[in-house]
Structure formats: structure tokens, C-alpha cells
């Protein structure tokens, strides 16, 4: 099961790779990037999205799986999905 959010996040990069993000005022340290892919929108909109499936830990160490997405048109990172 998963829940979709599409809420803005602040992503922290190191060596051009996602290392952590802040969502709803909470820090999440990315332990592992499981998968990366790009989704193209309709050609006339020239929209693309870069998605990352990640395993991240909150400050108390509990791991969870998340999808984060960069929407090029908005130049913004979003939390796309949280898996149970």
C-alpha cells in the first residue's frame, strides 16, 4: 500500500545525488536510492519528471520507503508517495 502526497520538499544533494529531504518540517536522511526513472509528459507541454524511489530514516532511525520527484516545469522537488 502507498499514499500519494505531491507536497513540496527541500532536497539536499551531495555529489548531485539525493542525500536527505525535509518534509513538513522533519528531516529524512536517505540511506539508499532503490531506483531512478524519468517520465515524460505530453510532448506539447514539454514536461518531464525525474522520480527516485528511496529508503530514508527520520531522526529517530525508523526506515521507510518514499518516492520523490523533480518537476522540471516548476523547478521543484515533491514528495510523491509514501509506502506502508
PDB file of N, CA and C in Angstrom:
ATOM      1  N   UNK A   1       0.834  -1.172   0.000  1.00  0.00           N
ATOM      2  CA  UNK A   1       0.000   0.000   0.000  1.00  0.00           C
ATOM      3  C   UNK A   1       0.884   1.243   0.000  1.00  0.00           C
ATOM      4  N   UNK A   2       0.329   2.302  -0.547  1.00  0.00           N
ATOM      5  CA  UNK A   2       1.035   3.572  -0.537  1.00  0.00           C
ATOM      6  C   UNK A   2       0.025   4.708  -0.494  1.00  0.00           C
ATOM      7  N   UNK A   3       0.529   5.873  -0.154  1.00  0.00           N
ATOM      8  CA  UNK A   3      -0.304   7.058  -0.124  1.00  0.00           C
ATOM      9  C   UNK A   3       0.401   8.147  -0.916  1.00  0.00           C
ATOM     10  N   UNK A   4      -0.357   8.829  -1.775  1.00  0.00           N
ATOM     11  CA  UNK A   4       0.199   9.906  -2.587  1.00  0.00           C
ATOM     12  C   UNK A   4       0.057  11.231  -1.872  1.00  0.00           C
ATOM     13  N   UNK A   5       1.076  12.079  -2.020  1.00  0.00           N
ATOM     14  CA  UNK A   5       1.057  13.377  -1.366  1.00  0.00           C
ATOM     15  C   UNK A   5       1.222  14.542  -2.333  1.00  0.00           C
ATOM     16  N   UNK A   6       2.240  14.511  -3.163  1.00  0.00           N
ATOM     17  CA  UNK A   6       2.586  15.609  -4.073  1.00  0.00           C
ATOM     18  C   UNK A   6       2.748  16.928  -3.306  1.00  0.00           C
ATOM     19  N   UNK A   7       3.508  16.867  -2.205  1.00  0.00           N
ATOM     20  CA  UNK A   7       3.788  18.045  -1.392  1.00  0.00           C
ATOM     21  C   UNK A   7       5.234  18.469  -1.609  1.00  0.00           C
ATOM     22  N   UNK A   8       5.501  19.776  -1.647  1.00  0.00           N
ATOM     23  CA  UNK A   8       6.871  20.255  -1.848  1.00  0.00           C
ATOM     24  C   UNK A   8       7.795  19.819  -0.713  1.00  0.00           C
ATOM     25  N   UNK A   9       9.033  19.512  -1.087  1.00  0.00           N
ATOM     26  CA  UNK A   9      10.065  19.173  -0.113  1.00  0.00           C
ATOM     27  C   UNK A   9      11.317  19.972  -0.440  1.00  0.00           C
ATOM     28  N   UNK A  10      12.186  20.072   0.538  1.00  0.00           N
ATOM     29  CA  UNK A  10      13.511  20.644   0.323  1.00  0.00           C
ATOM     30  C   UNK A  10      14.476  19.475   0.220  1.00  0.00           C
ATOM     31  N   UNK A  11      15.099  19.313  -0.929  1.00  0.00           N
ATOM     32  CA  UNK A  11      16.017  18.200  -1.139  1.00  0.00           C
ATOM     33  C   UNK A  11      17.448  18.665  -0.954  1.00  0.00           C
ATOM     34  N   UNK A  12      18.239  17.856  -0.264  1.00  0.00           N
ATOM     35  CA  UNK A  12      19.659  18.135  -0.068  1.00  0.00           C
ATOM     36  C   UNK A  12      20.451  17.152  -0.912  1.00  0.00           C
ATOM     37  N   UNK A  13      21.323  17.687  -1.752  1.00  0.00           N
ATOM     38  CA  UNK A  13      22.133  16.873  -2.649  1.00  0.00           C
ATOM     39  C   UNK A  13      23.581  16.850  -2.186  1.00  0.00           C
ATOM     40  N   UNK A  14      24.265  15.761  -2.511  1.00  0.00           N
ATOM     41  CA  UNK A  14      25.707  15.647  -2.336  1.00  0.00           C
ATOM     42  C   UNK A  14      26.221  14.881  -3.548  1.00  0.00           C
ATOM     43  N   UNK A  15      27.184  15.454  -4.235  1.00  0.00           N
ATOM     44  CA  UNK A  15      27.689  14.857  -5.475  1.00  0.00           C
ATOM     45  C   UNK A  15      26.556  14.605  -6.470  1.00  0.00           C
ATOM     46  N   UNK A  16      25.611  15.550  -6.535  1.00  0.00           N
ATOM     47  CA  UNK A  16      24.460  15.503  -7.455  1.00  0.00           C
ATOM     48  C   UNK A  16      23.524  14.330  -7.184  1.00  0.00           C
ATOM     49  N   UNK A  17      23.591  13.766  -5.990  1.00  0.00           N
ATOM     50  CA  UNK A  17      22.704  12.665  -5.597  1.00  0.00           C
ATOM     51  C   UNK A  17      21.879  13.083  -4.393  1.00  0.00           C
ATOM     52  N   UNK A  18      20.627  12.622  -4.333  1.00  0.00           N
ATOM     53  CA  UNK A  18      19.807  12.964  -3.164  1.00  0.00           C
ATOM     54  C   UNK A  18      20.345  12.305  -1.901  1.00  0.00           C
ATOM     55  N   UNK A  19      20.533  13.109  -0.849  1.00  0.00           N
ATOM     56  CA  UNK A  19      21.080  12.596   0.414  1.00  0.00           C
ATOM     57  C   UNK A  19      20.118  12.756   1.582  1.00  0.00           C
ATOM     58  N   UNK A  20      19.222  13.753   1.494  1.00  0.00           N
ATOM     59  CA  UNK A  20      18.266  13.998   2.577  1.00  0.00           C
ATOM     60  C   UNK A  20      17.163  14.905   2.038  1.00  0.00           C
ATOM     61  N   UNK A  21      16.044  14.910   2.742  1.00  0.00           N
ATOM     62  CA  UNK A  21      14.991  15.859   2.401  1.00  0.00           C
ATOM     63  C   UNK A  21      14.249  16.286   3.661  1.00  0.00           C
ATOM     64  N   UNK A  22      13.626  17.446   3.562  1.00  0.00           N
ATOM     65  CA  UNK A  22      12.825  17.985   4.656  1.00  0.00           C
ATOM     66  C   UNK A  22      11.381  18.017   4.172  1.00  0.00           C
ATOM     67  N   UNK A  23      10.524  17.357   4.935  1.00  0.00           N
ATOM     68  CA  UNK A  23       9.099  17.307   4.619  1.00  0.00           C
ATOM     69  C   UNK A  23       8.308  17.614   5.876  1.00  0.00           C
ATOM     70  N   UNK A  24       7.430  18.585   5.775  1.00  0.00           N
ATOM     71  CA  UNK A  24       6.609  19.016   6.912  1.00  0.00           C
ATOM     72  C   UNK A  24       7.461  19.344   8.141  1.00  0.00           C
ATOM     73  N   UNK A  25       8.626  19.932   7.893  1.00  0.00           N
ATOM     74  CA  UNK A  25       9.494  20.347   8.976  1.00  0.00           C
ATOM     75  C   UNK A  25      10.334  19.244   9.588  1.00  0.00           C
ATOM     76  N   UNK A  26      10.260  18.041   9.037  1.00  0.00           N
ATOM     77  CA  UNK A  26      11.034  16.906   9.574  1.00  0.00           C
ATOM     78  C   UNK A  26      12.133  16.518   8.596  1.00  0.00           C
ATOM     79  N   UNK A  27      13.285  16.149   9.145  1.00  0.00           N
ATOM     80  CA  UNK A  27      14.420  15.726   8.326  1.00  0.00           C
ATOM     81  C   UNK A  27      14.376  14.226   8.082  1.00  0.00           C
ATOM     82  N   UNK A  28      14.667  13.834   6.850  1.00  0.00           N
ATOM     83  CA  UNK A  28      14.740  12.434   6.453  1.00  0.00           C
ATOM     84  C   UNK A  28      16.085  12.209   5.770  1.00  0.00           C
ATOM     85  N   UNK A  29      16.901  11.346   6.336  1.00  0.00           N
ATOM     86  CA  UNK A  29      18.205  11.014   5.756  1.00  0.00           C
ATOM     87  C   UNK A  29      18.019   9.852   4.789  1.00  0.00           C
ATOM     88  N   UNK A  30      18.465  10.021   3.551  1.00  0.00           N
ATOM     89  CA  UNK A  30      18.317   8.974   2.532  1.00  0.00           C
ATOM     90  C   UNK A  30      19.449   7.967   2.691  1.00  0.00           C
ATOM     91  N   UNK A  31      19.074   6.734   2.963  1.00  0.00           N
ATOM     92  CA  UNK A  31      20.050   5.657   3.130  1.00  0.00           C
ATOM     93  C   UNK A  31      20.398   4.994   1.805  1.00  0.00           C
ATOM     94  N   UNK A  32      19.411   4.915   0.909  1.00  0.00           N
ATOM     95  CA  UNK A  32      19.623   4.183  -0.342  1.00  0.00           C
ATOM     96  C   UNK A  32      18.657   4.684  -1.404  1.00  0.00           C
ATOM     97  N   UNK A  33      19.160   4.802  -2.631  1.00  0.00           N
ATOM     98  CA  UNK A  33      18.306   5.079  -3.784  1.00  0.00           C
ATOM     99  C   UNK A  33      18.054   3.738  -4.454  1.00  0.00           C
ATOM    100  N   UNK A  34      16.802   3.299  -4.438  1.00  0.00           N
ATOM    101  CA  UNK A  34      16.455   1.992  -4.981  1.00  0.00           C
ATOM    102  C   UNK A  34      16.321   1.994  -6.501  1.00  0.00           C
ATOM    103  N   UNK A  35      15.791   3.093  -7.024  1.00  0.00           N
ATOM    104  CA  UNK A  35      15.509   3.156  -8.456  1.00  0.00           C
ATOM    105  C   UNK A  35      15.376   4.614  -8.867  1.00  0.00           C
ATOM    106  N   UNK A  36      15.759   4.906 -10.121  1.00  0.00           N
ATOM    107  CA  UNK A  36      15.592   6.238 -10.712  1.00  0.00           C
ATOM    108  C   UNK A  36      14.984   6.078 -12.087  1.00  0.00           C
ATOM    109  N   UNK A  37      14.070   6.951 -12.429  1.00  0.00           N
ATOM    110  CA  UNK A  37      13.496   6.920 -13.770  1.00  0.00           C
ATOM    111  C   UNK A  37      12.933   8.291 -14.122  1.00  0.00           C
ATOM    112  N   UNK A  38      12.727   8.507 -15.410  1.00  0.00           N
ATOM    113  CA  UNK A  38      12.182   9.763 -15.912  1.00  0.00           C
ATOM    114  C   UNK A  38      10.872   9.476 -16.621  1.00  0.00           C
ATOM    115  N   UNK A  39       9.900  10.325 -16.363  1.00  0.00           N
ATOM    116  CA  UNK A  39       8.598  10.216 -17.011  1.00  0.00           C
ATOM    117  C   UNK A  39       8.405  11.484 -17.819  1.00  0.00           C
ATOM    118  N   UNK A  40       8.106  11.319 -19.099  1.00  0.00           N
ATOM    119  CA  UNK A  40       7.835  12.468 -19.957  1.00  0.00           C
ATOM    120  C   UNK A  40       6.343  12.680 -20.046  1.00  0.00           C
ATOM    121  N   UNK A  41       5.956  13.939 -19.990  1.00  0.00           N
ATOM    122  CA  UNK A  41       4.548  14.276 -20.149  1.00  0.00           C
ATOM    123  C   UNK A  41       4.196  14.351 -21.619  1.00  0.00           C
ATOM    124  N   UNK A  42       3.088  14.975 -21.903  1.00  0.00           N
ATOM    125  CA  UNK A  42       2.675  15.171 -23.294  1.00  0.00           C
ATOM    126  C   UNK A  42       3.698  16.037 -24.011  1.00  0.00           C
ATOM    127  N   UNK A  43       3.995  15.704 -25.249  1.00  0.00           N
ATOM    128  CA  UNK A  43       5.063  16.369 -25.973  1.00  0.00           C
ATOM    129  C   UNK A  43       4.835  17.873 -26.096  1.00  0.00           C
ATOM    130  N   UNK A  44       3.586  18.307 -26.218  1.00  0.00           N
ATOM    131  CA  UNK A  44       3.312  19.732 -26.398  1.00  0.00           C
ATOM    132  C   UNK A  44       3.506  20.519 -25.097  1.00  0.00           C
ATOM    133  N   UNK A  45       3.481  19.844 -23.964  1.00  0.00           N
ATOM    134  CA  UNK A  45       3.700  20.524 -22.696  1.00  0.00           C
ATOM    135  C   UNK A  45       5.177  20.562 -22.317  1.00  0.00           C
ATOM    136  N   UNK A  46       5.969  19.735 -22.973  1.00  0.00           N
ATOM    137  CA  UNK A  46       7.411  19.667 -22.716  1.00  0.00           C
ATOM    138  C   UNK A  46       7.694  19.517 -21.224  1.00  0.00           C
ATOM    139  N   UNK A  47       6.963  18.624 -20.603  1.00  0.00           N
ATOM    140  CA  UNK A  47       7.115  18.412 -19.166  1.00  0.00           C
ATOM    141  C   UNK A  47       7.770  17.065 -18.907  1.00  0.00           C
ATOM    142  N   UNK A  48       8.750  17.067 -18.037  1.00  0.00           N
ATOM    143  CA  UNK A  48       9.356  15.804 -17.631  1.00  0.00           C
ATOM    144  C   UNK A  48       9.473  15.789 -16.114  1.00  0.00           C
ATOM    145  N   UNK A  49       9.475  14.579 -15.570  1.00  0.00           N
ATOM    146  CA  UNK A  49       9.589  14.394 -14.127  1.00  0.00           C
ATOM    147  C   UNK A  49      10.662  13.349 -13.876  1.00  0.00           C
ATOM    148  N   UNK A  50      11.548  13.630 -12.929  1.00  0.00           N
ATOM    149  CA  UNK A  50      12.566  12.672 -12.519  1.00  0.00           C
ATOM    150  C   UNK A  50      12.143  12.098 -11.180  1.00  0.00           C
ATOM    151  N   UNK A  51      11.931  10.802 -11.145  1.00  0.00           N
ATOM    152  CA  UNK A  51      11.496  10.144  -9.915  1.00  0.00           C
ATOM    153  C   UNK A  51      12.623   9.310  -9.327  1.00  0.00           C
ATOM    154  N   UNK A  52      12.627   9.241  -7.993  1.00  0.00           N
ATOM    155  CA  UNK A  52      13.577   8.420  -7.254  1.00  0.00           C
ATOM    156  C   UNK A  52      12.803   7.656  -6.195  1.00  0.00           C
ATOM    157  N   UNK A  53      12.961   6.359  -6.158  1.00  0.00           N
ATOM    158  CA  UNK A  53      12.447   5.550  -5.048  1.00  0.00           C
ATOM    159  C   UNK A  53      13.592   5.439  -4.056  1.00  0.00           C
ATOM    160  N   UNK A  54      13.337   5.867  -2.815  1.00  0.00           N
ATOM    161  CA  UNK A  54      14.411   5.915  -1.814  1.00  0.00           C
ATOM    162  C   UNK A  54      13.977   5.263  -0.506  1.00  0.00           C
ATOM    163  N   UNK A  55      14.978   4.811   0.234  1.00  0.00           N
ATOM    164  CA  UNK A  55      14.784   4.378   1.619  1.00  0.00           C
ATOM    165  C   UNK A  55      15.390   5.479   2.469  1.00  0.00           C
ATOM    166  N   UNK A  56      14.584   5.997   3.406  1.00  0.00           N
ATOM    167  CA  UNK A  56      15.043   7.108   4.229  1.00  0.00           C
ATOM    168  C   UNK A  56      14.680   6.866   5.683  1.00  0.00           C
ATOM    169  N   UNK A  57      15.459   7.481   6.559  1.00  0.00           N
ATOM    170  CA  UNK A  57      15.232   7.372   8.008  1.00  0.00           C
ATOM    171  C   UNK A  57      14.940   8.746   8.572  1.00  0.00           C
ATOM    172  N   UNK A  58      13.977   8.780   9.489  1.00  0.00           N
ATOM    173  CA  UNK A  58      13.726  10.004  10.223  1.00  0.00           C
ATOM    174  C   UNK A  58      14.769  10.125  11.324  1.00  0.00           C
ATOM    175  N   UNK A  59      14.731  11.193  12.068  1.00  0.00           N
ATOM    176  CA  UNK A  59      15.759  11.460  13.068  1.00  0.00           C
ATOM    177  C   UNK A  59      15.879  10.371  14.124  1.00  0.00           C
ATOM    178  N   UNK A  60      14.834   9.599  14.355  1.00  0.00           N
ATOM    179  CA  UNK A  60      14.926   8.528  15.355  1.00  0.00           C
ATOM    180  C   UNK A  60      15.257   7.178  14.730  1.00  0.00           C
ATOM    181  N   UNK A  61      15.564   7.148  13.429  1.00  0.00           N
ATOM    182  CA  UNK A  61      16.103   5.956  12.797  1.00  0.00           C
ATOM    183  C   UNK A  61      15.124   5.014  12.130  1.00  0.00           C
ATOM    184  N   UNK A  62      13.841   5.242  12.232  1.00  0.00           N
ATOM    185  CA  UNK A  62      12.859   4.363  11.593  1.00  0.00           C
ATOM    186  C   UNK A  62      12.938   4.523  10.077  1.00  0.00           C
ATOM    187  N   UNK A  63      13.111   3.395   9.368  1.00  0.00           N
ATOM    188  CA  UNK A  63      13.226   3.430   7.916  1.00  0.00           C
ATOM    189  C   UNK A  63      11.866   3.373   7.249  1.00  0.00           C
ATOM    190  N   UNK A  64      11.773   4.022   6.106  1.00  0.00           N
ATOM    191  CA  UNK A  64      10.563   3.980   5.298  1.00  0.00           C
ATOM    192  C   UNK A  64      10.932   4.117   3.835  1.00  0.00           C
ATOM    193  N   UNK A  65      10.003   3.766   2.953  1.00  0.00           N
ATOM    194  CA  UNK A  65      10.242   3.888   1.518  1.00  0.00           C
ATOM    195  C   UNK A  65       9.394   5.028   0.973  1.00  0.00           C
ATOM    196  N   UNK A  66      10.037   5.879   0.174  1.00  0.00           N
ATOM    197  CA  UNK A  66       9.416   7.085  -0.345  1.00  0.00           C
ATOM    198  C   UNK A  66       9.733   7.226  -1.832  1.00  0.00           C
ATOM    199  N   UNK A  67       8.865   7.934  -2.545  1.00  0.00           N
ATOM    200  CA  UNK A  67       9.160   8.361  -3.914  1.00  0.00           C
ATOM    201  C   UNK A  67       9.222   9.870  -3.893  1.00  0.00           C
ATOM    202  N   UNK A  68      10.330  10.394  -4.395  1.00  0.00           N
ATOM    203  CA  UNK A  68      10.467  11.833  -4.539  1.00  0.00           C
ATOM    204  C   UNK A  68      10.557  12.137  -6.026  1.00  0.00           C
ATOM    205  N   UNK A  69      10.081  13.305  -6.409  1.00  0.00           N
ATOM    206  CA  UNK A  69      10.014  13.639  -7.831  1.00  0.00           C
ATOM    207  C   UNK A  69      10.428  15.089  -8.038  1.00  0.00           C
ATOM    208  N   UNK A  70      11.195  15.305  -9.107  1.00  0.00           N
ATOM    209  CA  UNK A  70      11.548  16.660  -9.526  1.00  0.00           C
ATOM    210  C   UNK A  70      10.703  17.001 -10.733  1.00  0.00           C
ATOM    211  N   UNK A  71       9.932  18.060 -10.627  1.00  0.00           N
ATOM    212  CA  UNK A  71       9.102  18.528 -11.736  1.00  0.00           C
ATOM    213  C   UNK A  71       9.848  19.693 -12.391  1.00  0.00           C
ATOM    214  N   UNK A  72      10.380  19.435 -13.579  1.00  0.00           N
ATOM    215  CA  UNK A  72      11.236  20.411 -14.249  1.00  0.00           C
ATOM    216  C   UNK A  72      10.495  21.710 -14.550  1.00  0.00           C
ATOM    217  N   UNK A  73       9.257  21.605 -14.950  1.00  0.00           N
ATOM    218  CA  UNK A  73       8.478  22.794 -15.309  1.00  0.00           C
ATOM    219  C   UNK A  73       8.345  23.744 -14.116  1.00  0.00           C
ATOM    220  N   UNK A  74       8.219  23.202 -12.922  1.00  0.00           N
ATOM    221  CA  UNK A  74       8.081  24.021 -11.718  1.00  0.00           C
ATOM    222  C   UNK A  74       9.406  24.250 -10.999  1.00  0.00           C
ATOM    223  N   UNK A  75      10.450  23.528 -11.432  1.00  0.00           N
ATOM    224  CA  UNK A  75      11.767  23.599 -10.798  1.00  0.00           C
ATOM    225  C   UNK A  75      11.648  23.349  -9.294  1.00  0.00           C
ATOM    226  N   UNK A  76      10.950  22.270  -8.946  1.00  0.00           N
ATOM    227  CA  UNK A  76      10.644  21.976  -7.541  1.00  0.00           C
ATOM    228  C   UNK A  76      10.649  20.472  -7.307  1.00  0.00           C
ATOM    229  N   UNK A  77      11.157  20.053  -6.148  1.00  0.00           N
ATOM    230  CA  UNK A  77      11.079  18.670  -5.697  1.00  0.00           C
ATOM    231  C   UNK A  77       9.816  18.484  -4.873  1.00  0.00           C
ATOM    232  N   UNK A  78       9.199  17.294  -5.003  1.00  0.00           N
ATOM    233  CA  UNK A  78       7.991  16.957  -4.268  1.00  0.00           C
ATOM    234  C   UNK A  78       8.124  15.563  -3.662  1.00  0.00           C
ATOM    235  N   UNK A  79       7.455  15.358  -2.531  1.00  0.00           N
ATOM    236  CA  UNK A  79       7.257  14.014  -2.034  1.00  0.00           C
ATOM    237  C   UNK A  79       6.053  13.484  -2.787  1.00  0.00           C
ATOM    238  N   UNK A  80       6.258  12.440  -3.547  1.00  0.00           N
ATOM    239  CA  UNK A  80       5.206  11.910  -4.414  1.00  0.00           C
ATOM    240  C   UNK A  80       4.411  10.796  -3.744  1.00  0.00           C
ATOM    241  N   UNK A  81       5.114   9.904  -3.044  1.00  0.00           N
ATOM    242  CA  UNK A  81       4.433   8.740  -2.496  1.00  0.00           C
ATOM    243  C   UNK A  81       5.172   8.239  -1.257  1.00  0.00           C
ATOM    244  N   UNK A  82       4.404   7.718  -0.285  1.00  0.00           N
ATOM    245  CA  UNK A  82       4.957   7.069   0.899  1.00  0.00           C
ATOM    246  C   UNK A  82       4.387   5.667   0.952  1.00  0.00           C
ATOM    247  N   UNK A  83       5.269   4.666   1.086  1.00  0.00           N
ATOM    248  CA  UNK A  83       4.837   3.267   1.130  1.00  0.00           C
ATOM    249  C   UNK A  83       4.694   2.803   2.574  1.00  0.00           C
ATOM    250  N   UNK A  84       3.687   1.985   2.806  1.00  0.00           N
ATOM    251  CA  UNK A  84       3.470   1.399   4.136  1.00  0.00           C
ATOM    252  C   UNK A  84       4.395   0.231   4.370  1.00  0.00           C
TER     253      UNK A  84
END
